[in-house]
Amino acid sequence: MIRIFVRQDIMRMIVQYLGDEGYNASQMTIQDESNVKWHEREENTNDTRRLKKAILDGEWAEVDKICSKPLFKNQKSFLFAVYKQQYLEYIEHREMQKSMLDVENSVKDGSVYVPPNRLLNLLRQAVAYQIEVSRYHPRISPIVETLLQDFSPFVIPNACKTIMQGHRGNVKCAEFVGQEGRTIISGSSDNTLRVWDTETGHCLHILEGHSSRIWDVSSNDAGTTVASASGDSTVKIWDVKGSKASCRATLSGHSGDVYTVKYHPTSNHVVSGGYDKIVRLHDLTTGQVVKTFSGHQLAVSKVIINPVGNLIVSGSKDNTIKFWDLVSGV
């Protein structure tokens, strides 16, 4: 009650201030709105008192009349409790006809009680059930990120599915061709690259042309071409999508082994690094080196490019990692 009185006092002071300052229209509007709200509050208070008295006195016709008002008609949990009490009293007084009519009217009105947050609770139970019946049970409760797919736990491989054999020397590198994961490409000390079917394990293509071992391979996102870095100081670009794979271009410029190669996200350039300590950006359209990045003291062993395509990261045997801006060349 103190809260209501304080609010009323605040409204009175606001009305007084608006009148003193000459804001007569605003003063009248606030007075009208305040009077309506106060009237509604008083009416709701009276209805609540009447409803309480009617329930205690068992005057269920009056209860039904009051419960049809806006203040109560959407309070499903409260209405359920009221109708339940009404039904039980009819049963206690052996008024079977009235009890049946009461049930029929309640169902007809759609006054079905739905517990709070019922949908969310059911969804949580569904997720918990999926986790419970999954094949593997992690020690730490997993995080379910979507309800659009059934829960599937991350499984660490515990059995070898396929062994791909064919290289005559140690395998230096391997990578998926494209993003579909249907084929992989490997490079070896036997100077060849091989394209494999991941389902069958069969060798689809043998790529020959390098005169030294293959240190690294990289595929474009579409899976149509791959780049290979070799100890013969070259980077080769291969077409691997068709029925017969072939070498599209040979990129030169390095002196010594090329240890690493990576496609640019646009697939129009590749970046390479090697024994000569220099990172090179090659244009695949012209076959020319368009930028060089110098600064490492020993061989460059790995290069990657950020997803935006404006930054090269290189790792070197000089124990450093360097970031290079493709725009400025620094």
C-alpha atoms as a PDB file:
ATOM      1  CA  MET A   1       0.000   0.000   0.000  1.00  0.00           C
ATOM      2  CA  ILE A   2       2.860   2.366   0.719  1.00  0.00           C
ATOM      3  CA  ARG A   3       4.035   1.904  -2.860  1.00  0.00           C
ATOM      4  CA  ILE A   4       0.631   2.887  -4.238  1.00  0.00           C
ATOM      5  CA  PHE A   5       0.457   5.989  -2.062  1.00  0.00           C
ATOM      6  CA  VAL A   6       3.970   7.032  -3.072  1.00  0.00           C
ATOM      7  CA  ARG A   7       3.075   6.673  -6.743  1.00  0.00           C
ATOM      8  CA  GLN A   8      -0.068   8.717  -6.217  1.00  0.00           C
ATOM      9  CA  ASP A   9       1.912  11.466  -4.508  1.00  0.00           C
ATOM     10  CA  ILE A  10       4.405  11.504  -7.378  1.00  0.00           C
ATOM     11  CA  MET A  11       1.598  11.869  -9.893  1.00  0.00           C
ATOM     12  CA  ARG A  12       0.030  14.709  -7.857  1.00  0.00           C
ATOM     13  CA  MET A  13       3.320  16.594  -7.802  1.00  0.00           C
ATOM     14  CA  ILE A  14       3.779  16.125 -11.559  1.00  0.00           C
ATOM     15  CA  VAL A  15       0.253  17.415 -12.200  1.00  0.00           C
ATOM     16  CA  GLN A  16       0.915  20.398  -9.935  1.00  0.00           C
ATOM     17  CA  TYR A  17       4.209  21.188 -11.679  1.00  0.00           C
ATOM     18  CA  LEU A  18       2.644  21.049 -15.145  1.00  0.00           C
ATOM     19  CA  GLY A  19      -0.126  23.405 -14.010  1.00  0.00           C
ATOM     20  CA  ASP A  20       2.345  25.848 -12.468  1.00  0.00           C
ATOM     21  CA  GLU A  21       4.420  25.917 -15.662  1.00  0.00           C
ATOM     22  CA  GLY A  22       1.408  26.407 -17.910  1.00  0.00           C
ATOM     23  CA  TYR A  23       1.357  22.965 -19.558  1.00  0.00           C
ATOM     24  CA  ASN A  24      -2.397  22.725 -19.234  1.00  0.00           C
ATOM     25  CA  ALA A  25      -2.970  20.175 -22.024  1.00  0.00           C
ATOM     26  CA  SER A  26      -0.330  17.837 -20.609  1.00  0.00           C
ATOM     27  CA  GLN A  27      -1.774  18.337 -17.138  1.00  0.00           C
ATOM     28  CA  MET A  28      -5.255  17.333 -18.315  1.00  0.00           C
ATOM     29  CA  THR A  29      -3.920  14.276 -20.189  1.00  0.00           C
ATOM     30  CA  ILE A  30      -2.023  12.961 -17.172  1.00  0.00           C
ATOM     31  CA  GLN A  31      -4.995  13.597 -14.912  1.00  0.00           C
ATOM     32  CA  ASP A  32      -7.275  11.634 -17.233  1.00  0.00           C
ATOM     33  CA  GLU A  33      -4.836   8.711 -17.561  1.00  0.00           C
ATOM     34  CA  SER A  34      -4.132   8.648 -13.831  1.00  0.00           C
ATOM     35  CA  ASN A  35      -7.820   8.655 -12.960  1.00  0.00           C
ATOM     36  CA  VAL A  36      -8.443   5.770 -15.366  1.00  0.00           C
ATOM     37  CA  LYS A  37      -5.604   3.722 -13.893  1.00  0.00           C
ATOM     38  CA  TRP A  38      -6.664   4.471 -10.332  1.00  0.00           C
ATOM     39  CA  HIS A  39     -10.228   3.524 -11.193  1.00  0.00           C
ATOM     40  CA  GLU A  40      -9.050   0.253 -12.785  1.00  0.00           C
ATOM     41  CA  ARG A  41      -6.895  -0.521  -9.770  1.00  0.00           C
ATOM     42  CA  GLU A  42      -9.779   0.051  -7.393  1.00  0.00           C
ATOM     43  CA  GLU A  43     -12.070  -2.070  -9.545  1.00  0.00           C
ATOM     44  CA  ASN A  44      -9.538  -4.906  -9.680  1.00  0.00           C
ATOM     45  CA  THR A  45      -9.106  -4.762  -5.915  1.00  0.00           C
ATOM     46  CA  ASN A  46     -12.856  -4.952  -5.382  1.00  0.00           C
ATOM     47  CA  ASP A  47     -13.188  -7.848  -7.848  1.00  0.00           C
ATOM     48  CA  THR A  48     -10.451  -9.744  -6.047  1.00  0.00           C
ATOM     49  CA  ARG A  49     -12.200  -9.302  -2.716  1.00  0.00           C
ATOM     50  CA  ARG A  50     -15.553 -10.336  -4.202  1.00  0.00           C
ATOM     51  CA  LEU A  51     -13.976 -13.409  -5.798  1.00  0.00           C
ATOM     52  CA  LYS A  52     -12.363 -14.474  -2.545  1.00  0.00           C
ATOM     53  CA  LYS A  53     -15.662 -14.127  -0.690  1.00  0.00           C
ATOM     54  CA  ALA A  54     -17.566 -15.997  -3.411  1.00  0.00           C
ATOM     55  CA  ILE A  55     -15.114 -18.920  -3.344  1.00  0.00           C
ATOM     56  CA  LEU A  56     -15.250 -19.173   0.441  1.00  0.00           C
ATOM     57  CA  ASP A  57     -19.055 -19.004   0.411  1.00  0.00           C
ATOM     58  CA  GLY A  58     -19.362 -21.518  -2.424  1.00  0.00           C
ATOM     59  CA  GLU A  59     -21.228 -19.082  -4.660  1.00  0.00           C
ATOM     60  CA  TRP A  60     -19.945 -20.575  -7.894  1.00  0.00           C
ATOM     61  CA  ALA A  61     -22.245 -18.638 -10.198  1.00  0.00           C
ATOM     62  CA  GLU A  62     -20.713 -15.428  -8.862  1.00  0.00           C
ATOM     63  CA  VAL A  63     -17.242 -16.987  -9.190  1.00  0.00           C
ATOM     64  CA  ASP A  64     -17.864 -17.785 -12.876  1.00  0.00           C
ATOM     65  CA  LYS A  65     -19.078 -14.240 -13.480  1.00  0.00           C
ATOM     66  CA  ILE A  66     -16.030 -12.616 -11.896  1.00  0.00           C
ATOM     67  CA  CYS A  67     -13.573 -15.044 -13.539  1.00  0.00           C
ATOM     68  CA  SER A  68     -14.850 -13.992 -16.957  1.00  0.00           C
ATOM     69  CA  LYS A  69     -13.362 -10.520 -16.457  1.00  0.00           C
ATOM     70  CA  PRO A  70     -10.021  -9.611 -18.135  1.00  0.00           C
ATOM     71  CA  LEU A  71      -8.144  -9.625 -14.830  1.00  0.00           C
ATOM     72  CA  PHE A  72      -8.738 -13.344 -14.331  1.00  0.00           C
ATOM     73  CA  LYS A  73      -9.698 -14.968 -17.625  1.00  0.00           C
ATOM     74  CA  ASN A  74      -6.089 -15.400 -18.816  1.00  0.00           C
ATOM     75  CA  GLN A  75      -4.787 -16.713 -15.480  1.00  0.00           C
ATOM     76  CA  LYS A  76      -4.926 -20.356 -16.544  1.00  0.00           C
ATOM     77  CA  SER A  77      -3.202 -21.755 -13.484  1.00  0.00           C
ATOM     78  CA  PHE A  78      -5.527 -19.866 -11.145  1.00  0.00           C
ATOM     79  CA  LEU A  79      -8.652 -20.825 -13.110  1.00  0.00           C
ATOM     80  CA  PHE A  80      -7.599 -24.458 -13.070  1.00  0.00           C
ATOM     81  CA  ALA A  81      -7.350 -24.369  -9.269  1.00  0.00           C
ATOM     82  CA  VAL A  82     -10.739 -22.619  -8.976  1.00  0.00           C
ATOM     83  CA  TYR A  83     -12.532 -25.059 -11.279  1.00  0.00           C
ATOM     84  CA  LYS A  84     -10.886 -27.977  -9.551  1.00  0.00           C
ATOM     85  CA  GLN A  85     -12.161 -26.750  -6.187  1.00  0.00           C
ATOM     86  CA  GLN A  86     -15.614 -26.177  -7.661  1.00  0.00           C
ATOM     87  CA  TYR A  87     -15.705 -29.698  -9.105  1.00  0.00           C
ATOM     88  CA  LEU A  88     -14.549 -31.297  -5.843  1.00  0.00           C
ATOM     89  CA  GLU A  89     -17.217 -29.457  -3.860  1.00  0.00           C
ATOM     90  CA  TYR A  90     -19.896 -30.636  -6.268  1.00  0.00           C
ATOM     91  CA  ILE A  91     -18.663 -34.204  -5.822  1.00  0.00           C
ATOM     92  CA  GLU A  92     -18.572 -33.795  -2.038  1.00  0.00           C
ATOM     93  CA  HIS A  93     -22.184 -32.576  -2.045  1.00  0.00           C
ATOM     94  CA  ARG A  94     -23.128 -35.406  -4.445  1.00  0.00           C
ATOM     95  CA  GLU A  95     -24.258 -32.948  -7.082  1.00  0.00           C
ATOM     96  CA  MET A  96     -23.151 -35.175  -9.965  1.00  0.00           C
ATOM     97  CA  GLN A  97     -25.101 -33.352 -12.643  1.00  0.00           C
ATOM     98  CA  LYS A  98     -23.527 -30.026 -11.773  1.00  0.00           C
ATOM     99  CA  SER A  99     -20.052 -31.573 -11.624  1.00  0.00           C
ATOM    100  CA  MET A 100     -20.430 -33.007 -15.120  1.00  0.00           C
ATOM    101  CA  LEU A 101     -21.732 -29.705 -16.482  1.00  0.00           C
ATOM    102  CA  ASP A 102     -18.831 -27.933 -14.816  1.00  0.00           C
ATOM    103  CA  VAL A 103     -16.313 -30.248 -16.489  1.00  0.00           C
ATOM    104  CA  GLU A 104     -18.022 -29.852 -19.864  1.00  0.00           C
ATOM    105  CA  ASN A 105     -18.015 -26.061 -19.613  1.00  0.00           C
ATOM    106  CA  SER A 106     -14.374 -25.993 -18.582  1.00  0.00           C
ATOM    107  CA  VAL A 107     -13.351 -28.153 -21.537  1.00  0.00           C
ATOM    108  CA  LYS A 108     -15.586 -26.165 -23.891  1.00  0.00           C
ATOM    109  CA  ASP A 109     -13.959 -22.919 -22.792  1.00  0.00           C
ATOM    110  CA  GLY A 110     -10.527 -24.376 -23.511  1.00  0.00           C
ATOM    111  CA  SER A 111      -9.453 -23.826 -19.918  1.00  0.00           C
ATOM    112  CA  VAL A 112      -6.764 -26.493 -20.017  1.00  0.00           C
ATOM    113  CA  TYR A 113      -3.989 -25.947 -17.547  1.00  0.00           C
ATOM    114  CA  VAL A 114      -0.523 -25.856 -19.091  1.00  0.00           C
ATOM    115  CA  PRO A 115       2.345 -25.803 -16.570  1.00  0.00           C
ATOM    116  CA  PRO A 116       4.809 -22.895 -16.893  1.00  0.00           C
ATOM    117  CA  ASN A 117       7.610 -23.314 -19.465  1.00  0.00           C
ATOM    118  CA  ARG A 118       6.128 -26.642 -20.565  1.00  0.00           C
ATOM    119  CA  LEU A 119       7.569 -26.521 -24.093  1.00  0.00           C
ATOM    120  CA  LEU A 120      11.080 -25.654 -22.905  1.00  0.00           C
ATOM    121  CA  ASN A 121      10.982 -28.419 -20.304  1.00  0.00           C
ATOM    122  CA  LEU A 122       9.903 -30.975 -22.913  1.00  0.00           C
ATOM    123  CA  LEU A 123      12.696 -29.878 -25.272  1.00  0.00           C
ATOM    124  CA  ARG A 124      15.247 -30.167 -22.465  1.00  0.00           C
ATOM    125  CA  GLN A 125      13.970 -33.659 -21.697  1.00  0.00           C
ATOM    126  CA  ALA A 126      14.263 -34.578 -25.380  1.00  0.00           C
ATOM    127  CA  VAL A 127      17.883 -33.405 -25.486  1.00  0.00           C
ATOM    128  CA  ALA A 128      18.682 -35.249 -22.256  1.00  0.00           C
ATOM    129  CA  TYR A 129      17.142 -38.422 -23.710  1.00  0.00           C
ATOM    130  CA  GLN A 130      19.225 -38.144 -26.891  1.00  0.00           C
ATOM    131  CA  ILE A 131      22.399 -37.765 -24.829  1.00  0.00           C
ATOM    132  CA  GLU A 132      21.405 -40.711 -22.637  1.00  0.00           C
ATOM    133  CA  VAL A 133      20.766 -43.112 -25.531  1.00  0.00           C
ATOM    134  CA  SER A 134      23.831 -42.040 -27.536  1.00  0.00           C
ATOM    135  CA  ARG A 135      26.529 -44.617 -28.062  1.00  0.00           C
ATOM    136  CA  TYR A 136      29.214 -42.774 -26.105  1.00  0.00           C
ATOM    137  CA  HIS A 137      28.766 -41.014 -22.772  1.00  0.00           C
ATOM    138  CA  PRO A 138      31.414 -38.327 -22.134  1.00  0.00           C
ATOM    139  CA  ARG A 139      32.419 -37.562 -18.576  1.00  0.00           C
ATOM    140  CA  ILE A 140      31.692 -33.866 -19.075  1.00  0.00           C
ATOM    141  CA  SER A 141      28.152 -32.945 -20.086  1.00  0.00           C
ATOM    142  CA  PRO A 142      28.209 -32.022 -23.785  1.00  0.00           C
ATOM    143  CA  ILE A 143      26.910 -28.705 -25.103  1.00  0.00           C
ATOM    144  CA  VAL A 144      23.990 -29.150 -27.504  1.00  0.00           C
ATOM    145  CA  GLU A 145      24.174 -26.247 -29.960  1.00  0.00           C
ATOM    146  CA  THR A 146      21.082 -26.951 -32.089  1.00  0.00           C
ATOM    147  CA  LEU A 147      17.709 -28.677 -31.900  1.00  0.00           C
ATOM    148  CA  LEU A 148      17.430 -28.973 -35.675  1.00  0.00           C
ATOM    149  CA  GLN A 149      19.543 -32.132 -35.713  1.00  0.00           C
ATOM    150  CA  ASP A 150      19.719 -35.165 -33.449  1.00  0.00           C
ATOM    151  CA  PHE A 151      22.566 -35.086 -30.950  1.00  0.00           C
ATOM    152  CA  SER A 152      25.657 -36.955 -32.089  1.00  0.00           C
ATOM    153  CA  PRO A 153      28.698 -37.092 -29.785  1.00  0.00           C
ATOM    154  CA  PHE A 154      32.173 -36.370 -31.022  1.00  0.00           C
ATOM    155  CA  VAL A 155      33.916 -39.723 -31.316  1.00  0.00           C
ATOM    156  CA  ILE A 156      37.668 -40.152 -31.266  1.00  0.00           C
ATOM    157  CA  PRO A 157      38.613 -42.674 -33.994  1.00  0.00           C
ATOM    158  CA  ASN A 158      39.480 -46.009 -32.435  1.00  0.00           C
ATOM    159  CA  ALA A 159      39.774 -48.170 -35.556  1.00  0.00           C
ATOM    160  CA  CYS A 160      41.547 -47.815 -38.888  1.00  0.00           C
ATOM    161  CA  LYS A 161      39.001 -47.633 -41.710  1.00  0.00           C
ATOM    162  CA  THR A 162      41.251 -47.645 -44.774  1.00  0.00           C
ATOM    163  CA  ILE A 163      44.940 -48.033 -45.555  1.00  0.00           C
ATOM    164  CA  MET A 164      46.026 -46.360 -48.784  1.00  0.00           C
ATOM    165  CA  GLN A 165      49.157 -47.913 -50.202  1.00  0.00           C
ATOM    166  CA  GLY A 166      51.100 -47.188 -53.369  1.00  0.00           C
ATOM    167  CA  HIS A 167      53.876 -44.691 -52.658  1.00  0.00           C
ATOM    168  CA  ARG A 168      57.397 -46.041 -52.982  1.00  0.00           C
ATOM    169  CA  GLY A 169      58.896 -43.547 -50.532  1.00  0.00           C
ATOM    170  CA  ASN A 170      57.935 -41.920 -47.249  1.00  0.00           C
ATOM    171  CA  VAL A 171      54.800 -39.768 -47.425  1.00  0.00           C
ATOM    172  CA  LYS A 172      55.587 -36.136 -46.597  1.00  0.00           C
ATOM    173  CA  CYS A 173      52.122 -34.559 -46.765  1.00  0.00           C
ATOM    174  CA  ALA A 174      48.423 -35.184 -47.316  1.00  0.00           C
ATOM    175  CA  GLU A 175      45.341 -32.983 -47.616  1.00  0.00           C
ATOM    176  CA  PHE A 176      41.677 -33.231 -48.527  1.00  0.00           C
ATOM    177  CA  VAL A 177      40.879 -32.094 -52.063  1.00  0.00           C
ATOM    178  CA  GLY A 178      38.218 -29.384 -51.750  1.00  0.00           C
ATOM    179  CA  GLN A 179      35.679 -29.192 -48.950  1.00  0.00           C
ATOM    180  CA  GLU A 180      33.578 -32.260 -49.796  1.00  0.00           C
ATOM    181  CA  GLY A 181      36.043 -34.747 -48.313  1.00  0.00           C
ATOM    182  CA  ARG A 182      35.595 -37.350 -51.044  1.00  0.00           C
ATOM    183  CA  THR A 183      39.249 -37.418 -52.115  1.00  0.00           C
ATOM    184  CA  ILE A 184      42.632 -36.691 -50.594  1.00  0.00           C
ATOM    185  CA  ILE A 185      46.003 -36.004 -52.170  1.00  0.00           C
ATOM    186  CA  SER A 186      49.358 -37.120 -50.824  1.00  0.00           C
ATOM    187  CA  GLY A 187      52.946 -36.229 -51.655  1.00  0.00           C
ATOM    188  CA  SER A 188      55.972 -38.445 -51.199  1.00  0.00           C
ATOM    189  CA  SER A 189      59.721 -38.761 -51.408  1.00  0.00           C
ATOM    190  CA  ASP A 190      59.147 -40.856 -54.550  1.00  0.00           C
ATOM    191  CA  ASN A 191      58.587 -37.493 -56.364  1.00  0.00           C
ATOM    192  CA  THR A 192      54.909 -38.227 -57.082  1.00  0.00           C
ATOM    193  CA  LEU A 193      51.509 -37.150 -55.850  1.00  0.00           C
ATOM    194  CA  ARG A 194      48.565 -39.518 -55.580  1.00  0.00           C
ATOM    195  CA  VAL A 195      44.846 -38.767 -55.431  1.00  0.00           C
ATOM    196  CA  TRP A 196      42.821 -41.241 -53.369  1.00  0.00           C
ATOM    197  CA  ASP A 197      39.122 -42.022 -52.977  1.00  0.00           C
ATOM    198  CA  THR A 198      38.354 -41.761 -49.256  1.00  0.00           C
ATOM    199  CA  GLU A 199      35.538 -44.341 -49.381  1.00  0.00           C
ATOM    200  CA  THR A 200      37.230 -47.123 -51.315  1.00  0.00           C
ATOM    201  CA  GLY A 201      40.878 -46.261 -50.666  1.00  0.00           C
ATOM    202  CA  HIS A 202      41.635 -46.659 -54.386  1.00  0.00           C
ATOM    203  CA  CYS A 203      44.233 -44.473 -56.093  1.00  0.00           C
ATOM    204  CA  LEU A 204      42.482 -42.314 -58.699  1.00  0.00           C
ATOM    205  CA  HIS A 205      45.459 -40.421 -60.163  1.00  0.00           C
ATOM    206  CA  ILE A 206      49.250 -40.499 -60.042  1.00  0.00           C
ATOM    207  CA  LEU A 207      50.762 -37.067 -60.691  1.00  0.00           C
ATOM    208  CA  GLU A 208      54.300 -37.166 -62.036  1.00  0.00           C
ATOM    209  CA  GLY A 209      56.510 -34.268 -63.033  1.00  0.00           C
ATOM    210  CA  HIS A 210      58.568 -33.207 -60.038  1.00  0.00           C
ATOM    211  CA  SER A 211      62.222 -34.206 -59.996  1.00  0.00           C
ATOM    212  CA  SER A 212      62.506 -34.229 -56.192  1.00  0.00           C
ATOM    213  CA  ARG A 213      60.428 -35.065 -53.137  1.00  0.00           C
ATOM    214  CA  ILE A 214      57.076 -33.407 -52.457  1.00  0.00           C
ATOM    215  CA  TRP A 215      57.123 -31.402 -49.230  1.00  0.00           C
ATOM    216  CA  ASP A 216      53.625 -29.925 -49.169  1.00  0.00           C
ATOM    217  CA  VAL A 217      50.276 -29.862 -51.000  1.00  0.00           C
ATOM    218  CA  SER A 218      47.314 -27.481 -50.989  1.00  0.00           C
ATOM    219  CA  SER A 219      43.889 -27.600 -52.646  1.00  0.00           C
ATOM    220  CA  ASN A 220      41.554 -24.822 -53.715  1.00  0.00           C
ATOM    221  CA  ASP A 221      38.137 -24.733 -52.038  1.00  0.00           C
ATOM    222  CA  ALA A 222      36.345 -26.054 -55.121  1.00  0.00           C
ATOM    223  CA  GLY A 223      38.578 -29.132 -55.255  1.00  0.00           C
ATOM    224  CA  THR A 224      39.415 -28.627 -58.929  1.00  0.00           C
ATOM    225  CA  THR A 225      43.139 -27.881 -58.631  1.00  0.00           C
ATOM    226  CA  VAL A 226      45.959 -28.596 -56.204  1.00  0.00           C
ATOM    227  CA  ALA A 227      49.376 -27.037 -55.702  1.00  0.00           C
ATOM    228  CA  SER A 228      52.486 -29.010 -54.772  1.00  0.00           C
ATOM    229  CA  ALA A 229      55.749 -27.742 -53.265  1.00  0.00           C
ATOM    230  CA  SER A 230      58.860 -29.750 -54.084  1.00  0.00           C
ATOM    231  CA  GLY A 231      62.542 -30.065 -53.382  1.00  0.00           C
ATOM    232  CA  ASP A 232      63.185 -29.257 -57.062  1.00  0.00           C
ATOM    233  CA  SER A 233      62.600 -25.522 -56.252  1.00  0.00           C
ATOM    234  CA  THR A 234      59.224 -25.395 -58.029  1.00  0.00           C
ATOM    235  CA  VAL A 235      55.529 -25.244 -57.258  1.00  0.00           C
ATOM    236  CA  LYS A 236      53.272 -27.113 -59.673  1.00  0.00           C
ATOM    237  CA  ILE A 237      49.553 -26.554 -60.242  1.00  0.00           C
ATOM    238  CA  TRP A 238      47.552 -29.663 -61.143  1.00  0.00           C
ATOM    239  CA  ASP A 239      44.067 -30.188 -62.583  1.00  0.00           C
ATOM    240  CA  VAL A 240      42.543 -33.087 -60.652  1.00  0.00           C
ATOM    241  CA  LYS A 241      38.795 -32.821 -61.286  1.00  0.00           C
ATOM    242  CA  GLY A 242      38.588 -34.558 -64.638  1.00  0.00           C
ATOM    243  CA  SER A 243      39.052 -38.192 -65.529  1.00  0.00           C
ATOM    244  CA  LYS A 244      42.709 -37.534 -66.311  1.00  0.00           C
ATOM    245  CA  ALA A 245      44.811 -35.308 -64.047  1.00  0.00           C
ATOM    246  CA  SER A 246      47.475 -33.085 -65.574  1.00  0.00           C
ATOM    247  CA  CYS A 247      49.950 -30.331 -64.718  1.00  0.00           C
ATOM    248  CA  ARG A 248      48.559 -26.901 -65.556  1.00  0.00           C
ATOM    249  CA  ALA A 249      51.544 -24.707 -64.628  1.00  0.00           C
ATOM    250  CA  THR A 250      54.995 -24.730 -63.042  1.00  0.00           C
ATOM    251  CA  LEU A 251      55.869 -21.779 -60.798  1.00  0.00           C
ATOM    252  CA  SER A 252      59.521 -20.966 -60.254  1.00  0.00           C
ATOM    253  CA  GLY A 253      61.459 -18.339 -58.337  1.00  0.00           C
ATOM    254  CA  HIS A 254      62.736 -20.158 -55.272  1.00  0.00           C
ATOM    255  CA  SER A 255      66.343 -21.225 -54.872  1.00  0.00           C
ATOM    256  CA  GLY A 256      66.419 -24.476 -52.938  1.00  0.00           C
ATOM    257  CA  ASP A 257      63.636 -26.670 -51.604  1.00  0.00           C
ATOM    258  CA  VAL A 258      60.090 -25.299 -51.443  1.00  0.00           C
ATOM    259  CA  TYR A 259      58.779 -26.544 -48.106  1.00  0.00           C
ATOM    260  CA  THR A 260      55.277 -25.105 -48.028  1.00  0.00           C
ATOM    261  CA  VAL A 261      52.479 -23.883 -50.294  1.00  0.00           C
ATOM    262  CA  LYS A 262      48.964 -22.538 -49.650  1.00  0.00           C
ATOM    263  CA  TYR A 263      46.082 -21.424 -51.861  1.00  0.00           C
ATOM    264  CA  HIS A 264      44.706 -17.915 -51.419  1.00  0.00           C
ATOM    265  CA  PRO A 265      40.943 -17.935 -50.539  1.00  0.00           C
ATOM    266  CA  THR A 266      40.160 -16.477 -53.981  1.00  0.00           C
ATOM    267  CA  SER A 267      42.036 -19.397 -55.634  1.00  0.00           C
ATOM    268  CA  ASN A 268      43.748 -16.894 -57.968  1.00  0.00           C
ATOM    269  CA  HIS A 269      47.058 -16.917 -56.088  1.00  0.00           C
ATOM    270  CA  VAL A 270      49.232 -19.285 -54.077  1.00  0.00           C
ATOM    271  CA  VAL A 271      51.784 -18.479 -51.393  1.00  0.00           C
ATOM    272  CA  SER A 272      54.985 -20.481 -51.010  1.00  0.00           C
ATOM    273  CA  GLY A 273      58.014 -20.555 -48.736  1.00  0.00           C
ATOM    274  CA  GLY A 274      61.205 -22.561 -48.572  1.00  0.00           C
ATOM    275  CA  TYR A 275      64.889 -22.964 -47.938  1.00  0.00           C
ATOM    276  CA  ASP A 276      65.779 -19.543 -49.364  1.00  0.00           C
ATOM    277  CA  LYS A 277      63.999 -17.834 -46.373  1.00  0.00           C
ATOM    278  CA  ILE A 278      61.618 -15.922 -48.673  1.00  0.00           C
ATOM    279  CA  VAL A 279      57.815 -16.020 -48.856  1.00  0.00           C
ATOM    280  CA  ARG A 280      56.483 -15.581 -52.400  1.00  0.00           C
ATOM    281  CA  LEU A 281      53.011 -14.730 -53.724  1.00  0.00           C
ATOM    282  CA  HIS A 282      52.346 -16.211 -57.177  1.00  0.00           C
ATOM    283  CA  ASP A 283      49.668 -15.066 -59.639  1.00  0.00           C
ATOM    284  CA  LEU A 284      48.121 -18.192 -61.189  1.00  0.00           C
ATOM    285  CA  THR A 285      46.849 -16.297 -64.227  1.00  0.00           C
ATOM    286  CA  THR A 286      50.257 -15.018 -65.330  1.00  0.00           C
ATOM    287  CA  GLY A 287      52.454 -17.526 -63.497  1.00  0.00           C
ATOM    288  CA  GLN A 288      54.557 -14.650 -62.160  1.00  0.00           C
ATOM    289  CA  VAL A 289      55.703 -13.773 -58.636  1.00  0.00           C
ATOM    290  CA  VAL A 290      53.796 -10.612 -57.700  1.00  0.00           C
ATOM    291  CA  LYS A 291      55.192 -10.081 -54.187  1.00  0.00           C
ATOM    292  CA  THR A 292      58.050 -11.322 -52.034  1.00  0.00           C
ATOM    293  CA  PHE A 293      58.344 -11.120 -48.255  1.00  0.00           C
ATOM    294  CA  SER A 294      61.833 -11.175 -46.732  1.00  0.00           C
ATOM    295  CA  GLY A 295      62.750 -11.153 -43.051  1.00  0.00           C
ATOM    296  CA  HIS A 296      63.283 -14.702 -41.820  1.00  0.00           C
ATOM    297  CA  GLN A 297      66.807 -15.751 -40.901  1.00  0.00           C
ATOM    298  CA  LEU A 298      66.335 -19.437 -41.727  1.00  0.00           C
ATOM    299  CA  ALA A 299      64.128 -21.575 -43.982  1.00  0.00           C
ATOM    300  CA  VAL A 300      60.372 -20.972 -44.071  1.00  0.00           C
ATOM    301  CA  SER A 301      58.672 -24.212 -43.025  1.00  0.00           C
ATOM    302  CA  LYS A 302      54.986 -23.260 -43.152  1.00  0.00           C
ATOM    303  CA  VAL A 303      52.687 -20.561 -44.580  1.00  0.00           C
ATOM    304  CA  ILE A 304      48.953 -20.008 -44.078  1.00  0.00           C
ATOM    305  CA  ILE A 305      46.500 -17.269 -45.118  1.00  0.00           C
ATOM    306  CA  ASN A 306      43.662 -15.836 -43.051  1.00  0.00           C
ATOM    307  CA  PRO A 307      40.090 -16.380 -44.363  1.00  0.00           C
ATOM    308  CA  VAL A 308      39.768 -12.751 -45.485  1.00  0.00           C
ATOM    309  CA  GLY A 309      42.857 -13.177 -47.650  1.00  0.00           C
ATOM    310  CA  ASN A 310      44.741 -10.047 -46.623  1.00  0.00           C
ATOM    311  CA  LEU A 311      47.201 -11.595 -44.179  1.00  0.00           C
ATOM    312  CA  ILE A 312      49.937 -14.224 -44.550  1.00  0.00           C
ATOM    313  CA  VAL A 313      51.387 -16.020 -41.531  1.00  0.00           C
ATOM    314  CA  SER A 314      54.752 -17.740 -41.923  1.00  0.00           C
ATOM    315  CA  GLY A 315      56.614 -20.046 -39.568  1.00  0.00           C
ATOM    316  CA  SER A 316      60.370 -20.493 -39.839  1.00  0.00           C
ATOM    317  CA  LYS A 317      63.207 -22.607 -38.539  1.00  0.00           C
ATOM    318  CA  ASP A 318      64.546 -19.390 -36.987  1.00  0.00           C
ATOM    319  CA  ASN A 319      61.976 -19.961 -34.190  1.00  0.00           C
ATOM    320  CA  THR A 320      59.761 -17.051 -35.264  1.00  0.00           C
ATOM    321  CA  ILE A 321      56.296 -16.538 -36.706  1.00  0.00           C
ATOM    322  CA  LYS A 322      55.792 -13.504 -38.928  1.00  0.00           C
ATOM    323  CA  PHE A 323      52.626 -11.775 -40.122  1.00  0.00           C
ATOM    324  CA  TRP A 324      52.677 -10.169 -43.560  1.00  0.00           C
ATOM    325  CA  ASP A 325      50.187  -7.668 -44.976  1.00  0.00           C
ATOM    326  CA  LEU A 326      49.388  -8.595 -48.578  1.00  0.00           C
ATOM    327  CA  VAL A 327      48.389  -5.025 -49.426  1.00  0.00           C
ATOM    328  CA  SER A 328      51.480  -3.230 -48.154  1.00  0.00           C
ATOM    329  CA  GLY A 329      53.891  -6.142 -48.485  1.00  0.00           C
ATOM    330  CA  VAL A 330      55.177  -5.593 -44.935  1.00  0.00           C
END
